[in-house]
Amino acid sequence: MINVEVTRNPNENPGGLLRRFSRKVQEAGIIPKVKGGRYAKRKTSKLSMKAGALKKLTRRSEVEKLKKLGKMA
C-alpha cells in the first residue's frame, strides 16, 4: 500500500493542508483500490459454469439454424 505523507508548511491553514492531502490521495489512486477490495467475489461454481456453457451452445445452434433459414443476418 502506498503511504501518503503531507507536512504542514509555515503559515498554512488546516483547510489547505487537508486539501493538499486529499489531492495526494487521489493522485496515488488509493481510494479506488480500497473500494475495489471491499467486497470479495466468490468463484462461480462448476455447476453454474457448465449450465452457462450449455446455454451458450444451445443459443449458438439456434442462431446457426436461423442463419441457414435466412431469418437472421
N, C-alpha and C. Protein backbone atom coordinates (compact mmCIF):
# COMPACT_ATOMS: atom_id res chain seq x y z
N MET A 1 0.84 -1.18 0.00
CA MET A 1 0.00 0.00 0.00
C MET A 1 0.89 1.23 0.00
N ILE A 2 0.44 2.25 -0.68
CA ILE A 2 1.20 3.49 -0.80
C ILE A 2 0.84 4.40 0.36
N ASN A 3 1.85 4.90 1.06
CA ASN A 3 1.61 5.85 2.13
C ASN A 3 1.70 7.26 1.58
N VAL A 4 0.77 8.09 2.00
CA VAL A 4 0.77 9.49 1.58
C VAL A 4 1.08 10.32 2.81
N GLU A 5 2.11 11.13 2.70
CA GLU A 5 2.52 11.96 3.83
C GLU A 5 2.59 13.40 3.38
N VAL A 6 1.99 14.28 4.17
CA VAL A 6 1.99 15.71 3.87
C VAL A 6 2.41 16.44 5.13
N THR A 7 3.44 17.30 5.01
CA THR A 7 3.88 18.10 6.16
C THR A 7 3.34 19.51 6.01
N ARG A 8 3.05 20.13 7.12
CA ARG A 8 2.45 21.46 7.12
C ARG A 8 3.50 22.51 6.82
N ASN A 9 3.20 23.35 5.85
CA ASN A 9 4.09 24.45 5.53
C ASN A 9 3.84 25.61 6.50
N PRO A 10 4.83 26.48 6.70
CA PRO A 10 4.59 27.63 7.59
C PRO A 10 3.49 28.53 7.00
N ASN A 11 2.67 29.06 7.87
CA ASN A 11 1.55 29.94 7.51
C ASN A 11 0.50 29.24 6.62
N GLU A 12 0.35 27.91 6.78
CA GLU A 12 -0.66 27.19 6.02
C GLU A 12 -1.81 26.83 6.95
N ASN A 13 -3.02 27.14 6.53
CA ASN A 13 -4.17 26.83 7.38
C ASN A 13 -4.53 25.35 7.25
N PRO A 14 -5.27 24.81 8.21
CA PRO A 14 -5.63 23.38 8.17
C PRO A 14 -6.46 22.99 6.94
N GLY A 15 -7.26 23.92 6.44
CA GLY A 15 -8.07 23.61 5.25
C GLY A 15 -7.19 23.35 4.04
N GLY A 16 -6.16 24.16 3.87
CA GLY A 16 -5.24 23.99 2.75
C GLY A 16 -4.46 22.69 2.88
N LEU A 17 -4.07 22.37 4.11
CA LEU A 17 -3.34 21.13 4.35
C LEU A 17 -4.22 19.93 4.01
N LEU A 18 -5.48 19.99 4.44
CA LEU A 18 -6.41 18.90 4.16
C LEU A 18 -6.66 18.77 2.65
N ARG A 19 -6.79 19.89 1.96
CA ARG A 19 -7.00 19.89 0.52
C ARG A 19 -5.80 19.27 -0.20
N ARG A 20 -4.62 19.63 0.24
CA ARG A 20 -3.40 19.09 -0.37
C ARG A 20 -3.29 17.59 -0.13
N PHE A 21 -3.66 17.16 1.10
CA PHE A 21 -3.61 15.73 1.43
C PHE A 21 -4.60 14.95 0.57
N SER A 22 -5.82 15.46 0.44
CA SER A 22 -6.83 14.73 -0.34
C SER A 22 -6.42 14.66 -1.81
N ARG A 23 -5.78 15.70 -2.33
CA ARG A 23 -5.30 15.68 -3.71
C ARG A 23 -4.23 14.62 -3.88
N LYS A 24 -3.32 14.50 -2.90
CA LYS A 24 -2.25 13.49 -2.97
C LYS A 24 -2.85 12.08 -2.93
N VAL A 25 -3.87 11.90 -2.11
CA VAL A 25 -4.51 10.58 -2.01
C VAL A 25 -5.17 10.22 -3.34
N GLN A 26 -5.83 11.20 -3.98
CA GLN A 26 -6.46 10.94 -5.27
C GLN A 26 -5.43 10.62 -6.33
N GLU A 27 -4.31 11.34 -6.33
CA GLU A 27 -3.26 11.09 -7.32
C GLU A 27 -2.63 9.72 -7.14
N ALA A 28 -2.54 9.26 -5.88
CA ALA A 28 -1.93 7.97 -5.61
C ALA A 28 -2.86 6.82 -6.01
N GLY A 29 -4.16 7.08 -6.16
CA GLY A 29 -5.10 6.05 -6.57
C GLY A 29 -5.44 5.06 -5.46
N ILE A 30 -5.43 5.53 -4.24
CA ILE A 30 -5.69 4.65 -3.09
C ILE A 30 -7.18 4.34 -2.96
N ILE A 31 -8.02 5.33 -3.17
CA ILE A 31 -9.46 5.16 -2.93
C ILE A 31 -10.07 4.09 -3.84
N PRO A 32 -9.82 4.10 -5.15
CA PRO A 32 -10.40 3.03 -5.98
C PRO A 32 -9.90 1.64 -5.59
N LYS A 33 -8.64 1.58 -5.16
CA LYS A 33 -8.07 0.29 -4.76
C LYS A 33 -8.79 -0.24 -3.52
N VAL A 34 -9.07 0.63 -2.57
CA VAL A 34 -9.74 0.23 -1.34
C VAL A 34 -11.20 -0.13 -1.62
N LYS A 35 -11.86 0.68 -2.44
CA LYS A 35 -13.26 0.40 -2.76
C LYS A 35 -13.40 -0.88 -3.56
N GLY A 36 -12.43 -1.18 -4.41
CA GLY A 36 -12.48 -2.40 -5.20
C GLY A 36 -12.32 -3.65 -4.35
N GLY A 37 -11.57 -3.58 -3.28
CA GLY A 37 -11.35 -4.74 -2.44
C GLY A 37 -12.34 -4.86 -1.31
N ARG A 38 -13.35 -3.99 -1.30
CA ARG A 38 -14.30 -4.01 -0.19
C ARG A 38 -15.16 -5.25 -0.19
N TYR A 39 -15.60 -5.67 -1.37
CA TYR A 39 -16.46 -6.83 -1.47
C TYR A 39 -15.72 -7.94 -2.22
N ALA A 40 -15.64 -9.08 -1.61
CA ALA A 40 -14.96 -10.21 -2.26
C ALA A 40 -15.96 -10.94 -3.14
N LYS A 41 -15.54 -11.27 -4.34
CA LYS A 41 -16.40 -12.01 -5.25
C LYS A 41 -16.07 -13.49 -5.15
N ARG A 42 -17.13 -14.29 -5.05
CA ARG A 42 -16.91 -15.73 -4.99
C ARG A 42 -16.68 -16.27 -6.39
N LYS A 43 -15.96 -17.37 -6.46
CA LYS A 43 -15.77 -18.03 -7.74
C LYS A 43 -17.08 -18.70 -8.13
N THR A 44 -17.34 -18.74 -9.44
CA THR A 44 -18.56 -19.40 -9.89
C THR A 44 -18.39 -20.90 -9.74
N SER A 45 -19.46 -21.55 -9.34
CA SER A 45 -19.40 -22.99 -9.12
C SER A 45 -19.29 -23.73 -10.45
N LYS A 46 -18.81 -24.95 -10.38
CA LYS A 46 -18.66 -25.76 -11.59
C LYS A 46 -20.00 -26.01 -12.24
N LEU A 47 -21.03 -26.20 -11.42
CA LEU A 47 -22.36 -26.48 -11.95
C LEU A 47 -22.88 -25.29 -12.75
N SER A 48 -22.71 -24.08 -12.21
CA SER A 48 -23.20 -22.91 -12.94
C SER A 48 -22.35 -22.64 -14.18
N MET A 49 -21.07 -22.97 -14.14
CA MET A 49 -20.22 -22.81 -15.33
C MET A 49 -20.68 -23.76 -16.43
N LYS A 50 -21.00 -25.01 -16.05
CA LYS A 50 -21.48 -25.98 -17.03
C LYS A 50 -22.82 -25.55 -17.60
N ALA A 51 -23.69 -25.04 -16.75
CA ALA A 51 -25.00 -24.58 -17.21
C ALA A 51 -24.85 -23.43 -18.19
N GLY A 52 -23.94 -22.53 -17.90
CA GLY A 52 -23.69 -21.40 -18.80
C GLY A 52 -23.13 -21.85 -20.13
N ALA A 53 -22.25 -22.84 -20.09
CA ALA A 53 -21.67 -23.36 -21.33
C ALA A 53 -22.75 -24.04 -22.18
N LEU A 54 -23.63 -24.81 -21.54
CA LEU A 54 -24.71 -25.46 -22.27
C LEU A 54 -25.66 -24.43 -22.88
N LYS A 55 -25.95 -23.39 -22.13
CA LYS A 55 -26.83 -22.33 -22.61
C LYS A 55 -26.22 -21.66 -23.84
N LYS A 56 -24.91 -21.41 -23.77
CA LYS A 56 -24.21 -20.79 -24.88
C LYS A 56 -24.24 -21.68 -26.13
N LEU A 57 -24.03 -22.99 -25.92
CA LEU A 57 -24.05 -23.92 -27.05
C LEU A 57 -25.42 -23.98 -27.70
N THR A 58 -26.47 -24.05 -26.88
CA THR A 58 -27.82 -24.11 -27.45
C THR A 58 -28.17 -22.83 -28.19
N ARG A 59 -27.78 -21.70 -27.63
CA ARG A 59 -28.05 -20.42 -28.29
C ARG A 59 -27.30 -20.34 -29.62
N ARG A 60 -26.05 -20.81 -29.63
CA ARG A 60 -25.25 -20.79 -30.85
C ARG A 60 -25.89 -21.65 -31.94
N SER A 61 -26.39 -22.83 -31.54
CA SER A 61 -27.02 -23.71 -32.52
C SER A 61 -28.32 -23.09 -33.06
N GLU A 62 -29.07 -22.40 -32.18
CA GLU A 62 -30.29 -21.73 -32.63
C GLU A 62 -29.96 -20.62 -33.63
N VAL A 63 -28.91 -19.87 -33.36
CA VAL A 63 -28.51 -18.79 -34.26
C VAL A 63 -28.08 -19.36 -35.60
N GLU A 64 -27.34 -20.46 -35.59
CA GLU A 64 -26.91 -21.09 -36.84
C GLU A 64 -28.12 -21.57 -37.66
N LYS A 65 -29.12 -22.14 -36.98
CA LYS A 65 -30.34 -22.57 -37.66
C LYS A 65 -31.03 -21.39 -38.32
N LEU A 66 -31.16 -20.30 -37.59
CA LEU A 66 -31.81 -19.10 -38.11
C LEU A 66 -31.06 -18.52 -39.29
N LYS A 67 -29.73 -18.58 -39.23
CA LYS A 67 -28.91 -18.07 -40.35
C LYS A 67 -29.12 -18.93 -41.59
N LYS A 68 -29.21 -20.25 -41.40
CA LYS A 68 -29.42 -21.14 -42.53
C LYS A 68 -30.80 -20.92 -43.16
N LEU A 69 -31.78 -20.60 -42.32
CA LEU A 69 -33.13 -20.36 -42.84
C LEU A 69 -33.26 -18.97 -43.43
N GLY A 70 -32.28 -18.11 -43.19
CA GLY A 70 -32.30 -16.76 -43.74
C GLY A 70 -33.11 -15.78 -42.91
N LYS A 71 -33.41 -16.14 -41.68
CA LYS A 71 -34.18 -15.26 -40.81
C LYS A 71 -33.31 -14.34 -39.97
N MET A 72 -32.00 -14.60 -40.01
CA MET A 72 -31.07 -13.77 -39.24
C MET A 72 -29.89 -13.41 -40.12
N ALA A 73 -29.47 -12.15 -40.02
CA ALA A 73 -28.37 -11.71 -40.88
C ALA A 73 -27.02 -12.16 -40.35
